[in-house]
Amino acid sequence: MDNLTEAARARDLIIQSMFMRIAGNPPSIEEQQAYCHRLNEIVAAGGRIKRVQVYTVARLPAEANVMPLSDAEVDAIVHQVRTRTALAAEAFHGLDVTNVD
């Protein structure tokens, strides 16, 4: 956090964050809220965050228990970021696991 905050004080940052299902579980609401809290801490300390990019798994991972979030789940995290931080945020949807052989 200290390094991110220092970098954000020196220049506008774009924060890229990947969220995923692990063992079938998406990130909890508490985890999402903690993420937003950390973003707010950076801004409160004088950091400049130009944009937050939320994405999920885009390729088949090496670990079988890791899977992408649905588009709706990614969009919900983006909504949390926008609502709880007032930062610009955008979604990058991931791998469509219904079409994976």
PDB file of N, CA and C in Angstrom:
ATOM      1  N   MET A   1       0.814  -1.186   0.000  1.00  0.00           N
ATOM      2  CA  MET A   1       0.000   0.000   0.000  1.00  0.00           C
ATOM      3  C   MET A   1       0.863   1.257   0.000  1.00  0.00           C
ATOM      4  N   ASP A   2       1.949   1.221   0.753  1.00  0.00           N
ATOM      5  CA  ASP A   2       2.809   2.398   0.802  1.00  0.00           C
ATOM      6  C   ASP A   2       3.365   2.721  -0.581  1.00  0.00           C
ATOM      7  N   ASN A   3       3.813   1.696  -1.302  1.00  0.00           N
ATOM      8  CA  ASN A   3       4.376   1.920  -2.641  1.00  0.00           C
ATOM      9  C   ASN A   3       3.316   2.436  -3.610  1.00  0.00           C
ATOM     10  N   LEU A   4       2.112   1.859  -3.553  1.00  0.00           N
ATOM     11  CA  LEU A   4       1.031   2.340  -4.424  1.00  0.00           C
ATOM     12  C   LEU A   4       0.691   3.787  -4.111  1.00  0.00           C
ATOM     13  N   THR A   5       0.604   4.109  -2.833  1.00  0.00           N
ATOM     14  CA  THR A   5       0.266   5.478  -2.440  1.00  0.00           C
ATOM     15  C   THR A   5       1.331   6.458  -2.905  1.00  0.00           C
ATOM     16  N   GLU A   6       2.580   6.105  -2.718  1.00  0.00           N
ATOM     17  CA  GLU A   6       3.677   6.984  -3.165  1.00  0.00           C
ATOM     18  C   GLU A   6       3.644   7.180  -4.678  1.00  0.00           C
ATOM     19  N   ALA A   7       3.431   6.101  -5.415  1.00  0.00           N
ATOM     20  CA  ALA A   7       3.346   6.207  -6.872  1.00  0.00           C
ATOM     21  C   ALA A   7       2.169   7.081  -7.278  1.00  0.00           C
ATOM     22  N   ALA A   8       1.043   6.937  -6.593  1.00  0.00           N
ATOM     23  CA  ALA A   8      -0.153   7.723  -6.922  1.00  0.00           C
ATOM     24  C   ALA A   8       0.003   9.189  -6.542  1.00  0.00           C
ATOM     25  N   ARG A   9       0.874   9.478  -5.616  1.00  0.00           N
ATOM     26  CA  ARG A   9       1.166  10.888  -5.291  1.00  0.00           C
ATOM     27  C   ARG A   9       2.025  11.515  -6.385  1.00  0.00           C
ATOM     28  N   ALA A  10       2.858  10.701  -7.015  1.00  0.00           N
ATOM     29  CA  ALA A  10       3.782  11.202  -8.035  1.00  0.00           C
ATOM     30  C   ALA A  10       3.133  11.336  -9.407  1.00  0.00           C
ATOM     31  N   ARG A  11       2.132  10.480  -9.691  1.00  0.00           N
ATOM     32  CA  ARG A  11       1.487  10.503 -11.014  1.00  0.00           C
ATOM     33  C   ARG A  11       0.123   9.845 -10.925  1.00  0.00           C
ATOM     34  N   ASP A  12      -0.727  10.165 -11.883  1.00  0.00           N
ATOM     35  CA  ASP A  12      -2.042   9.523 -11.952  1.00  0.00           C
ATOM     36  C   ASP A  12      -1.857   8.045 -12.264  1.00  0.00           C
ATOM     37  N   LEU A  13      -2.527   7.192 -11.506  1.00  0.00           N
ATOM     38  CA  LEU A  13      -2.420   5.750 -11.714  1.00  0.00           C
ATOM     39  C   LEU A  13      -3.700   5.170 -12.291  1.00  0.00           C
ATOM     40  N   ILE A  14      -3.533   4.111 -13.044  1.00  0.00           N
ATOM     41  CA  ILE A  14      -4.641   3.246 -13.423  1.00  0.00           C
ATOM     42  C   ILE A  14      -4.416   1.956 -12.649  1.00  0.00           C
ATOM     43  N   ILE A  15      -5.361   1.629 -11.790  1.00  0.00           N
ATOM     44  CA  ILE A  15      -5.263   0.425 -10.978  1.00  0.00           C
ATOM     45  C   ILE A  15      -5.968  -0.709 -11.717  1.00  0.00           C
ATOM     46  N   GLN A  16      -5.245  -1.776 -11.985  1.00  0.00           N
ATOM     47  CA  GLN A  16      -5.814  -2.959 -12.633  1.00  0.00           C
ATOM     48  C   GLN A  16      -5.898  -4.062 -11.587  1.00  0.00           C
ATOM     49  N   SER A  17      -7.090  -4.640 -11.446  1.00  0.00           N
ATOM     50  CA  SER A  17      -7.281  -5.678 -10.435  1.00  0.00           C
ATOM     51  C   SER A  17      -8.067  -6.841 -11.012  1.00  0.00           C
ATOM     52  N   MET A  18      -7.548  -8.047 -10.787  1.00  0.00           N
ATOM     53  CA  MET A  18      -8.222  -9.239 -11.267  1.00  0.00           C
ATOM     54  C   MET A  18      -8.935  -9.926 -10.106  1.00  0.00           C
ATOM     55  N   PHE A  19     -10.194 -10.250 -10.344  1.00  0.00           N
ATOM     56  CA  PHE A  19     -11.012 -10.985  -9.386  1.00  0.00           C
ATOM     57  C   PHE A  19     -11.419 -12.294 -10.040  1.00  0.00           C
ATOM     58  N   MET A  20     -11.550 -13.349  -9.241  1.00  0.00           N
ATOM     59  CA  MET A  20     -11.845 -14.670  -9.795  1.00  0.00           C
ATOM     60  C   MET A  20     -12.586 -15.512  -8.778  1.00  0.00           C
ATOM     61  N   ARG A  21     -13.108 -16.620  -9.262  1.00  0.00           N
ATOM     62  CA  ARG A  21     -13.652 -17.647  -8.376  1.00  0.00           C
ATOM     63  C   ARG A  21     -12.506 -18.557  -7.986  1.00  0.00           C
ATOM     64  N   ILE A  22     -12.439 -18.902  -6.715  1.00  0.00           N
ATOM     65  CA  ILE A  22     -11.463 -19.865  -6.240  1.00  0.00           C
ATOM     66  C   ILE A  22     -12.255 -20.955  -5.528  1.00  0.00           C
ATOM     67  N   ALA A  23     -12.092 -22.169  -6.009  1.00  0.00           N
ATOM     68  CA  ALA A  23     -12.845 -23.318  -5.482  1.00  0.00           C
ATOM     69  C   ALA A  23     -14.347 -23.028  -5.530  1.00  0.00           C
ATOM     70  N   GLY A  24     -14.777 -22.370  -6.607  1.00  0.00           N
ATOM     71  CA  GLY A  24     -16.188 -22.092  -6.807  1.00  0.00           C
ATOM     72  C   GLY A  24     -16.712 -20.847  -6.134  1.00  0.00           C
ATOM     73  N   ASN A  25     -15.894 -20.185  -5.323  1.00  0.00           N
ATOM     74  CA  ASN A  25     -16.354 -19.033  -4.551  1.00  0.00           C
ATOM     75  C   ASN A  25     -15.866 -17.708  -5.132  1.00  0.00           C
ATOM     76  N   PRO A  26     -16.788 -16.787  -5.393  1.00  0.00           N
ATOM     77  CA  PRO A  26     -16.375 -15.452  -5.830  1.00  0.00           C
ATOM     78  C   PRO A  26     -15.885 -14.653  -4.625  1.00  0.00           C
ATOM     79  N   PRO A  27     -15.272 -13.510  -4.857  1.00  0.00           N
ATOM     80  CA  PRO A  27     -14.860 -12.682  -3.716  1.00  0.00           C
ATOM     81  C   PRO A  27     -16.094 -12.252  -2.921  1.00  0.00           C
ATOM     82  N   SER A  28     -15.982 -12.317  -1.616  1.00  0.00           N
ATOM     83  CA  SER A  28     -17.105 -11.963  -0.753  1.00  0.00           C
ATOM     84  C   SER A  28     -17.369 -10.452  -0.808  1.00  0.00           C
ATOM     85  N   ILE A  29     -18.540 -10.077  -0.370  1.00  0.00           N
ATOM     86  CA  ILE A  29     -18.882  -8.649  -0.270  1.00  0.00           C
ATOM     87  C   ILE A  29     -17.875  -7.954   0.639  1.00  0.00           C
ATOM     88  N   GLU A  30     -17.476  -8.611   1.717  1.00  0.00           N
ATOM     89  CA  GLU A  30     -16.497  -8.023   2.641  1.00  0.00           C
ATOM     90  C   GLU A  30     -15.156  -7.771   1.949  1.00  0.00           C
ATOM     91  N   GLU A  31     -14.733  -8.709   1.103  1.00  0.00           N
ATOM     92  CA  GLU A  31     -13.486  -8.522   0.354  1.00  0.00           C
ATOM     93  C   GLU A  31     -13.607  -7.348  -0.613  1.00  0.00           C
ATOM     94  N   GLN A  32     -14.750  -7.246  -1.282  1.00  0.00           N
ATOM     95  CA  GLN A  32     -14.970  -6.139  -2.211  1.00  0.00           C
ATOM     96  C   GLN A  32     -14.973  -4.803  -1.472  1.00  0.00           C
ATOM     97  N   GLN A  33     -15.597  -4.771  -0.305  1.00  0.00           N
ATOM     98  CA  GLN A  33     -15.633  -3.539   0.484  1.00  0.00           C
ATOM     99  C   GLN A  33     -14.239  -3.165   0.970  1.00  0.00           C
ATOM    100  N   ALA A  34     -13.456  -4.163   1.369  1.00  0.00           N
ATOM    101  CA  ALA A  34     -12.080  -3.905   1.806  1.00  0.00           C
ATOM    102  C   ALA A  34     -11.241  -3.349   0.653  1.00  0.00           C
ATOM    103  N   TYR A  35     -11.451  -3.877  -0.545  1.00  0.00           N
ATOM    104  CA  TYR A  35     -10.755  -3.383  -1.739  1.00  0.00           C
ATOM    105  C   TYR A  35     -11.080  -1.906  -1.946  1.00  0.00           C
ATOM    106  N   CYS A  36     -12.354  -1.563  -1.884  1.00  0.00           N
ATOM    107  CA  CYS A  36     -12.769  -0.163  -2.051  1.00  0.00           C
ATOM    108  C   CYS A  36     -12.184   0.718  -0.948  1.00  0.00           C
ATOM    109  N   HIS A  37     -12.130   0.194   0.265  1.00  0.00           N
ATOM    110  CA  HIS A  37     -11.540   0.934   1.380  1.00  0.00           C
ATOM    111  C   HIS A  37     -10.073   1.249   1.099  1.00  0.00           C
ATOM    112  N   ARG A  38      -9.354   0.297   0.556  1.00  0.00           N
ATOM    113  CA  ARG A  38      -7.936   0.524   0.233  1.00  0.00           C
ATOM    114  C   ARG A  38      -7.777   1.599  -0.846  1.00  0.00           C
ATOM    115  N   LEU A  39      -8.652   1.546  -1.855  1.00  0.00           N
ATOM    116  CA  LEU A  39      -8.614   2.594  -2.886  1.00  0.00           C
ATOM    117  C   LEU A  39      -8.849   3.964  -2.256  1.00  0.00           C
ATOM    118  N   ASN A  40      -9.821   4.039  -1.362  1.00  0.00           N
ATOM    119  CA  ASN A  40     -10.110   5.304  -0.676  1.00  0.00           C
ATOM    120  C   ASN A  40      -8.940   5.767   0.182  1.00  0.00           C
ATOM    121  N   GLU A  41      -8.226   4.823   0.799  1.00  0.00           N
ATOM    122  CA  GLU A  41      -7.043   5.184   1.593  1.00  0.00           C
ATOM    123  C   GLU A  41      -5.979   5.849   0.726  1.00  0.00           C
ATOM    124  N   ILE A  42      -5.779   5.326  -0.472  1.00  0.00           N
ATOM    125  CA  ILE A  42      -4.788   5.913  -1.382  1.00  0.00           C
ATOM    126  C   ILE A  42      -5.172   7.343  -1.713  1.00  0.00           C
ATOM    127  N   VAL A  43      -6.426   7.548  -2.056  1.00  0.00           N
ATOM    128  CA  VAL A  43      -6.900   8.893  -2.413  1.00  0.00           C
ATOM    129  C   VAL A  43      -6.825   9.830  -1.206  1.00  0.00           C
ATOM    130  N   ALA A  44      -7.226   9.350  -0.033  1.00  0.00           N
ATOM    131  CA  ALA A  44      -7.192  10.182   1.183  1.00  0.00           C
ATOM    132  C   ALA A  44      -5.770  10.608   1.546  1.00  0.00           C
ATOM    133  N   ALA A  45      -4.794   9.792   1.152  1.00  0.00           N
ATOM    134  CA  ALA A  45      -3.386  10.104   1.434  1.00  0.00           C
ATOM    135  C   ALA A  45      -2.768  10.979   0.342  1.00  0.00           C
ATOM    136  N   GLY A  46      -3.590  11.487  -0.563  1.00  0.00           N
ATOM    137  CA  GLY A  46      -3.085  12.375  -1.608  1.00  0.00           C
ATOM    138  C   GLY A  46      -2.764  11.695  -2.914  1.00  0.00           C
ATOM    139  N   GLY A  47      -3.113  10.420  -3.031  1.00  0.00           N
ATOM    140  CA  GLY A  47      -2.866   9.701  -4.279  1.00  0.00           C
ATOM    141  C   GLY A  47      -3.898  10.037  -5.335  1.00  0.00           C
ATOM    142  N   ARG A  48      -3.474   9.946  -6.580  1.00  0.00           N
ATOM    143  CA  ARG A  48      -4.379  10.220  -7.704  1.00  0.00           C
ATOM    144  C   ARG A  48      -4.601   8.928  -8.486  1.00  0.00           C
ATOM    145  N   ILE A  49      -5.839   8.500  -8.501  1.00  0.00           N
ATOM    146  CA  ILE A  49      -6.208   7.308  -9.260  1.00  0.00           C
ATOM    147  C   ILE A  49      -7.069   7.768 -10.425  1.00  0.00           C
ATOM    148  N   LYS A  50      -6.522   7.616 -11.612  1.00  0.00           N
ATOM    149  CA  LYS A  50      -7.211   8.050 -12.825  1.00  0.00           C
ATOM    150  C   LYS A  50      -8.399   7.148 -13.149  1.00  0.00           C
ATOM    151  N   ARG A  51      -8.196   5.845 -12.934  1.00  0.00           N
ATOM    152  CA  ARG A  51      -9.238   4.871 -13.295  1.00  0.00           C
ATOM    153  C   ARG A  51      -8.907   3.535 -12.629  1.00  0.00           C
ATOM    154  N   VAL A  52      -9.965   2.763 -12.379  1.00  0.00           N
ATOM    155  CA  VAL A  52      -9.819   1.405 -11.854  1.00  0.00           C
ATOM    156  C   VAL A  52     -10.354   0.451 -12.911  1.00  0.00           C
ATOM    157  N   GLN A  53      -9.547  -0.511 -13.279  1.00  0.00           N
ATOM    158  CA  GLN A  53      -9.958  -1.523 -14.248  1.00  0.00           C
ATOM    159  C   GLN A  53     -10.152  -2.843 -13.509  1.00  0.00           C
ATOM    160  N   VAL A  54     -11.377  -3.345 -13.579  1.00  0.00           N
ATOM    161  CA  VAL A  54     -11.726  -4.601 -12.917  1.00  0.00           C
ATOM    162  C   VAL A  54     -11.849  -5.670 -13.992  1.00  0.00           C
ATOM    163  N   TYR A  55     -11.109  -6.749 -13.827  1.00  0.00           N
ATOM    164  CA  TYR A  55     -11.180  -7.817 -14.809  1.00  0.00           C
ATOM    165  C   TYR A  55     -11.179  -9.165 -14.117  1.00  0.00           C
ATOM    166  N   THR A  56     -11.367 -10.203 -14.901  1.00  0.00           N
ATOM    167  CA  THR A  56     -11.372 -11.568 -14.390  1.00  0.00           C
ATOM    168  C   THR A  56     -10.542 -12.443 -15.311  1.00  0.00           C
ATOM    169  N   VAL A  57     -10.548 -13.712 -15.074  1.00  0.00           N
ATOM    170  CA  VAL A  57      -9.740 -14.669 -15.832  1.00  0.00           C
ATOM    171  C   VAL A  57     -10.107 -14.594 -17.320  1.00  0.00           C
ATOM    172  N   ALA A  58      -9.093 -14.439 -18.154  1.00  0.00           N
ATOM    173  CA  ALA A  58      -9.323 -14.317 -19.595  1.00  0.00           C
ATOM    174  C   ALA A  58      -8.873 -15.563 -20.360  1.00  0.00           C
ATOM    175  N   ARG A  59      -8.033 -16.385 -19.736  1.00  0.00           N
ATOM    176  CA  ARG A  59      -7.539 -17.620 -20.360  1.00  0.00           C
ATOM    177  C   ARG A  59      -7.648 -18.740 -19.341  1.00  0.00           C
ATOM    178  N   LEU A  60      -7.664 -19.957 -19.827  1.00  0.00           N
ATOM    179  CA  LEU A  60      -7.707 -21.081 -18.903  1.00  0.00           C
ATOM    180  C   LEU A  60      -6.474 -21.045 -18.005  1.00  0.00           C
ATOM    181  N   PRO A  61      -6.688 -21.004 -16.701  1.00  0.00           N
ATOM    182  CA  PRO A  61      -5.544 -20.948 -15.785  1.00  0.00           C
ATOM    183  C   PRO A  61      -4.935 -22.331 -15.563  1.00  0.00           C
ATOM    184  N   ALA A  62      -3.748 -22.350 -15.040  1.00  0.00           N
ATOM    185  CA  ALA A  62      -3.066 -23.603 -14.732  1.00  0.00           C
ATOM    186  C   ALA A  62      -3.741 -24.329 -13.571  1.00  0.00           C
ATOM    187  N   GLU A  63      -4.347 -23.575 -12.684  1.00  0.00           N
ATOM    188  CA  GLU A  63      -5.017 -24.160 -11.521  1.00  0.00           C
ATOM    189  C   GLU A  63      -6.476 -24.447 -11.853  1.00  0.00           C
ATOM    190  N   ALA A  64      -6.891 -25.688 -11.710  1.00  0.00           N
ATOM    191  CA  ALA A  64      -8.258 -26.094 -12.066  1.00  0.00           C
ATOM    192  C   ALA A  64      -9.323 -25.476 -11.164  1.00  0.00           C
ATOM    193  N   ASN A  65      -8.948 -25.050  -9.955  1.00  0.00           N
ATOM    194  CA  ASN A  65      -9.934 -24.478  -9.045  1.00  0.00           C
ATOM    195  C   ASN A  65     -10.137 -22.976  -9.244  1.00  0.00           C
ATOM    196  N   VAL A  66      -9.477 -22.395 -10.235  1.00  0.00           N
ATOM    197  CA  VAL A  66      -9.623 -20.970 -10.540  1.00  0.00           C
ATOM    198  C   VAL A  66     -10.481 -20.818 -11.788  1.00  0.00           C
ATOM    199  N   MET A  67     -11.540 -20.025 -11.657  1.00  0.00           N
ATOM    200  CA  MET A  67     -12.462 -19.799 -12.775  1.00  0.00           C
ATOM    201  C   MET A  67     -12.823 -18.315 -12.830  1.00  0.00           C
ATOM    202  N   PRO A  68     -13.274 -17.845 -13.988  1.00  0.00           N
ATOM    203  CA  PRO A  68     -13.637 -16.435 -14.108  1.00  0.00           C
ATOM    204  C   PRO A  68     -14.962 -16.138 -13.405  1.00  0.00           C
ATOM    205  N   LEU A  69     -15.144 -14.890 -13.086  1.00  0.00           N
ATOM    206  CA  LEU A  69     -16.435 -14.408 -12.623  1.00  0.00           C
ATOM    207  C   LEU A  69     -17.334 -14.236 -13.832  1.00  0.00           C
ATOM    208  N   SER A  70     -18.622 -14.233 -13.611  1.00  0.00           N
ATOM    209  CA  SER A  70     -19.559 -13.935 -14.693  1.00  0.00           C
ATOM    210  C   SER A  70     -19.471 -12.448 -15.017  1.00  0.00           C
ATOM    211  N   ASP A  71     -19.981 -12.080 -16.178  1.00  0.00           N
ATOM    212  CA  ASP A  71     -20.018 -10.660 -16.548  1.00  0.00           C
ATOM    213  C   ASP A  71     -20.763  -9.853 -15.495  1.00  0.00           C
ATOM    214  N   ALA A  72     -21.873 -10.386 -15.002  1.00  0.00           N
ATOM    215  CA  ALA A  72     -22.677  -9.682 -13.993  1.00  0.00           C
ATOM    216  C   ALA A  72     -21.891  -9.490 -12.691  1.00  0.00           C
ATOM    217  N   GLU A  73     -21.083 -10.478 -12.313  1.00  0.00           N
ATOM    218  CA  GLU A  73     -20.278 -10.351 -11.089  1.00  0.00           C
ATOM    219  C   GLU A  73     -19.197  -9.294 -11.251  1.00  0.00           C
ATOM    220  N   VAL A  74     -18.563  -9.251 -12.406  1.00  0.00           N
ATOM    221  CA  VAL A  74     -17.557  -8.213 -12.673  1.00  0.00           C
ATOM    222  C   VAL A  74     -18.234  -6.843 -12.647  1.00  0.00           C
ATOM    223  N   ASP A  75     -19.378  -6.741 -13.302  1.00  0.00           N
ATOM    224  CA  ASP A  75     -20.114  -5.472 -13.325  1.00  0.00           C
ATOM    225  C   ASP A  75     -20.512  -5.029 -11.917  1.00  0.00           C
ATOM    226  N   ALA A  76     -20.858  -5.971 -11.062  1.00  0.00           N
ATOM    227  CA  ALA A  76     -21.234  -5.639  -9.687  1.00  0.00           C
ATOM    228  C   ALA A  76     -20.046  -5.080  -8.909  1.00  0.00           C
ATOM    229  N   ILE A  77     -18.856  -5.611  -9.145  1.00  0.00           N
ATOM    230  CA  ILE A  77     -17.659  -5.074  -8.482  1.00  0.00           C
ATOM    231  C   ILE A  77     -17.380  -3.668  -8.983  1.00  0.00           C
ATOM    232  N   VAL A  78     -17.515  -3.452 -10.286  1.00  0.00           N
ATOM    233  CA  VAL A  78     -17.328  -2.111 -10.844  1.00  0.00           C
ATOM    234  C   VAL A  78     -18.319  -1.143 -10.192  1.00  0.00           C
ATOM    235  N   HIS A  79     -19.553  -1.577 -10.036  1.00  0.00           N
ATOM    236  CA  HIS A  79     -20.569  -0.733  -9.387  1.00  0.00           C
ATOM    237  C   HIS A  79     -20.159  -0.410  -7.947  1.00  0.00           C
ATOM    238  N   GLN A  80     -19.640  -1.409  -7.227  1.00  0.00           N
ATOM    239  CA  GLN A  80     -19.160  -1.176  -5.859  1.00  0.00           C
ATOM    240  C   GLN A  80     -18.054  -0.116  -5.852  1.00  0.00           C
ATOM    241  N   VAL A  81     -17.100  -0.246  -6.773  1.00  0.00           N
ATOM    242  CA  VAL A  81     -15.987   0.708  -6.830  1.00  0.00           C
ATOM    243  C   VAL A  81     -16.520   2.110  -7.101  1.00  0.00           C
ATOM    244  N   ARG A  82     -17.382   2.248  -8.079  1.00  0.00           N
ATOM    245  CA  ARG A  82     -17.934   3.568  -8.409  1.00  0.00           C
ATOM    246  C   ARG A  82     -18.712   4.161  -7.240  1.00  0.00           C
ATOM    247  N   THR A  83     -19.517   3.336  -6.592  1.00  0.00           N
ATOM    248  CA  THR A  83     -20.376   3.806  -5.509  1.00  0.00           C
ATOM    249  C   THR A  83     -19.591   4.133  -4.252  1.00  0.00           C
ATOM    250  N   ARG A  84     -18.675   3.266  -3.883  1.00  0.00           N
ATOM    251  CA  ARG A  84     -17.968   3.421  -2.610  1.00  0.00           C
ATOM    252  C   ARG A  84     -16.753   4.339  -2.686  1.00  0.00           C
ATOM    253  N   THR A  85     -16.265   4.611  -3.909  1.00  0.00           N
ATOM    254  CA  THR A  85     -15.048   5.424  -4.028  1.00  0.00           C
ATOM    255  C   THR A  85     -15.227   6.680  -4.866  1.00  0.00           C
ATOM    256  N   ALA A  86     -16.247   6.730  -5.689  1.00  0.00           N
ATOM    257  CA  ALA A  86     -16.462   7.822  -6.646  1.00  0.00           C
ATOM    258  C   ALA A  86     -15.355   7.886  -7.705  1.00  0.00           C
ATOM    259  N   LEU A  87     -14.612   6.801  -7.863  1.00  0.00           N
ATOM    260  CA  LEU A  87     -13.583   6.736  -8.898  1.00  0.00           C
ATOM    261  C   LEU A  87     -14.187   6.223 -10.201  1.00  0.00           C
ATOM    262  N   ALA A  88     -13.573   6.587 -11.301  1.00  0.00           N
ATOM    263  CA  ALA A  88     -13.953   6.021 -12.591  1.00  0.00           C
ATOM    264  C   ALA A  88     -13.518   4.561 -12.602  1.00  0.00           C
ATOM    265  N   ALA A  89     -14.412   3.688 -13.031  1.00  0.00           N
ATOM    266  CA  ALA A  89     -14.089   2.261 -13.066  1.00  0.00           C
ATOM    267  C   ALA A  89     -14.687   1.645 -14.313  1.00  0.00           C
ATOM    268  N   GLU A  90     -13.986   0.654 -14.840  1.00  0.00           N
ATOM    269  CA  GLU A  90     -14.478  -0.030 -16.028  1.00  0.00           C
ATOM    270  C   GLU A  90     -14.271  -1.528 -15.892  1.00  0.00           C
ATOM    271  N   ALA A  91     -15.154  -2.271 -16.577  1.00  0.00           N
ATOM    272  CA  ALA A  91     -15.146  -3.732 -16.515  1.00  0.00           C
ATOM    273  C   ALA A  91     -14.492  -4.325 -17.751  1.00  0.00           C
ATOM    274  N   PHE A  92     -13.770  -5.415 -17.529  1.00  0.00           N
ATOM    275  CA  PHE A  92     -13.233  -6.224 -18.604  1.00  0.00           C
ATOM    276  C   PHE A  92     -13.675  -7.650 -18.321  1.00  0.00           C
ATOM    277  N   HIS A  93     -14.603  -8.124 -19.110  1.00  0.00           N
ATOM    278  CA  HIS A  93     -15.164  -9.452 -18.897  1.00  0.00           C
ATOM    279  C   HIS A  93     -14.191 -10.520 -19.357  1.00  0.00           C
ATOM    280  N   GLY A  94     -14.380 -11.721 -18.849  1.00  0.00           N
ATOM    281  CA  GLY A  94     -13.377 -12.762 -19.044  1.00  0.00           C
ATOM    282  C   GLY A  94     -13.800 -13.895 -19.939  1.00  0.00           C
ATOM    283  N   LEU A  95     -13.211 -14.997 -19.663  1.00  0.00           N
ATOM    284  CA  LEU A  95     -13.366 -16.232 -20.410  1.00  0.00           C
ATOM    285  C   LEU A  95     -14.792 -16.737 -20.294  1.00  0.00           C
ATOM    286  N   ASP A  96     -15.370 -17.122 -21.431  1.00  0.00           N
ATOM    287  CA  ASP A  96     -16.689 -17.738 -21.446  1.00  0.00           C
ATOM    288  C   ASP A  96     -16.497 -19.231 -21.248  1.00  0.00           C
ATOM    289  N   VAL A  97     -16.707 -19.687 -20.006  1.00  0.00           N
ATOM    290  CA  VAL A  97     -16.428 -21.091 -19.702  1.00  0.00           C
ATOM    291  C   VAL A  97     -17.465 -22.043 -20.292  1.00  0.00           C
ATOM    292  N   THR A  98     -18.553 -21.529 -20.819  1.00  0.00           N
ATOM    293  CA  THR A  98     -19.547 -22.398 -21.451  1.00  0.00           C
ATOM    294  C   THR A  98     -19.072 -22.889 -22.799  1.00  0.00           C
ATOM    295  N   ASN A  99     -18.044 -22.230 -23.370  1.00  0.00           N
ATOM    296  CA  ASN A  99     -17.542 -22.622 -24.693  1.00  0.00           C
ATOM    297  C   ASN A  99     -16.151 -23.233 -24.645  1.00  0.00           C
ATOM    298  N   VAL A 100     -15.719 -23.661 -23.485  1.00  0.00           N
ATOM    299  CA  VAL A 100     -14.379 -24.240 -23.331  1.00  0.00           C
ATOM    300  C   VAL A 100     -14.488 -25.749 -23.489  1.00  0.00           C
ATOM    301  N   ASP A 101     -13.623 -26.304 -24.334  1.00  0.00           N
ATOM    302  CA  ASP A 101     -13.616 -27.774 -24.528  1.00  0.00           C
ATOM    303  C   ASP A 101     -12.876 -28.479 -23.434  1.00  0.00           C
TER     304      ASP A 101
END
